[in-house]
Structures are given as structure tokens and as C-alpha cells.
């Protein structure tokens, strides 16, 4: 919180109502994209595990 030059505290700057919905929408969008990224990561990990299970021992040529 900003300090008033006279020694008190200034209130936080006012945020116009117009900006609030956009901020909420942005955080929802961020949360949704984070969920989507997490789902994609889990799906890729699951696919990799399935591929590893399908391969015979030492089947992946890049592993040494």
C-alpha cells in the first residue's frame, strides 16, 4: 500500500468496473489453458508408458 507523504496510507488506486470482467476472464482462460496443458502432459506420459510396455526389452534404439 503506498505511503502518503503526510504519513498516512493512501488507498489502492481504483480499478474501473470495465477492467474487472476482463481480468476474471483472463484468469479463467489461464486456468483453463493450464488444465489443458496438464491433460496434454498426462496424455503424452500415458502414451509413452504404453509404447514402452509394447516394446520388447531393449527395443528402443536410442537408449544405451
Protein backbone atom coordinates (compact mmCIF):
# COMPACT_ATOMS: atom_id res chain seq x y z
CA UNK A 1 0.00 0.00 0.00
CA UNK A 2 1.50 3.39 -0.97
CA UNK A 3 2.52 5.76 1.83
CA UNK A 4 1.03 9.25 1.87
CA UNK A 5 3.70 11.99 2.05
CA UNK A 6 1.87 13.29 5.15
CA UNK A 7 2.50 9.99 6.95
CA UNK A 8 -0.76 8.12 6.36
CA UNK A 9 -1.58 5.36 3.94
CA UNK A 10 -3.16 6.01 0.57
CA UNK A 11 -5.97 3.72 -0.58
CA UNK A 12 -5.15 1.44 -3.52
CA UNK A 13 -5.89 3.01 -6.91
CA UNK A 14 -9.45 2.50 -8.08
CA UNK A 15 -9.94 -0.13 -10.77
CA UNK A 16 -12.72 0.75 -13.20
CA UNK A 17 -15.51 -1.83 -13.39
CA UNK A 18 -14.78 -2.25 -17.10
CA UNK A 19 -11.43 -3.93 -16.32
CA UNK A 20 -12.71 -6.40 -13.75
CA UNK A 21 -14.54 -8.84 -16.06
CA UNK A 22 -11.57 -8.91 -18.44
CA UNK A 23 -9.25 -9.79 -15.56
CA UNK A 24 -11.56 -12.54 -14.35
CA UNK A 25 -11.89 -13.84 -17.90
CA UNK A 26 -8.10 -13.79 -18.26
CA UNK A 27 -7.55 -15.76 -15.05
CA UNK A 28 -10.21 -18.26 -16.12
CA UNK A 29 -8.53 -18.56 -19.51
CA UNK A 30 -5.13 -19.03 -17.82
CA UNK A 31 -6.61 -21.67 -15.53
CA UNK A 32 -8.27 -23.44 -18.47
CA UNK A 33 -5.07 -23.38 -20.51
CA UNK A 34 -3.13 -24.71 -17.51
CA UNK A 35 -5.66 -27.54 -17.16
CA UNK A 36 -5.41 -28.25 -20.89
CA UNK A 37 -1.60 -28.32 -20.70
CA UNK A 38 -1.76 -30.68 -17.71
CA UNK A 39 -4.16 -33.00 -19.58
CA UNK A 40 -1.86 -32.99 -22.62
CA UNK A 41 1.19 -33.77 -20.45
CA UNK A 42 -0.59 -36.67 -18.74
CA UNK A 43 -1.82 -37.99 -22.09
CA UNK A 44 1.73 -37.90 -23.53
CA UNK A 45 3.14 -39.64 -20.45
CA UNK A 46 0.46 -42.31 -20.69
CA UNK A 47 1.19 -42.82 -24.40
CA UNK A 48 4.93 -43.08 -23.69
CA UNK A 49 4.31 -45.66 -20.97
CA UNK A 50 2.08 -47.63 -23.34
CA UNK A 51 4.77 -47.54 -26.04
CA UNK A 52 7.41 -48.69 -23.54
CA UNK A 53 5.18 -51.58 -22.46
CA UNK A 54 4.66 -52.60 -26.10
CA UNK A 55 8.41 -52.64 -26.84
CA UNK A 56 10.42 -55.79 -26.09
CA UNK A 57 13.33 -55.38 -23.64
CA UNK A 58 15.97 -53.09 -25.17
CA UNK A 59 13.61 -52.31 -28.03
CA UNK A 60 14.18 -48.56 -28.25
CA UNK A 61 17.21 -47.96 -30.45
CA UNK A 62 18.13 -44.59 -28.88
CA UNK A 63 18.57 -45.98 -25.36
CA UNK A 64 22.10 -47.01 -24.39
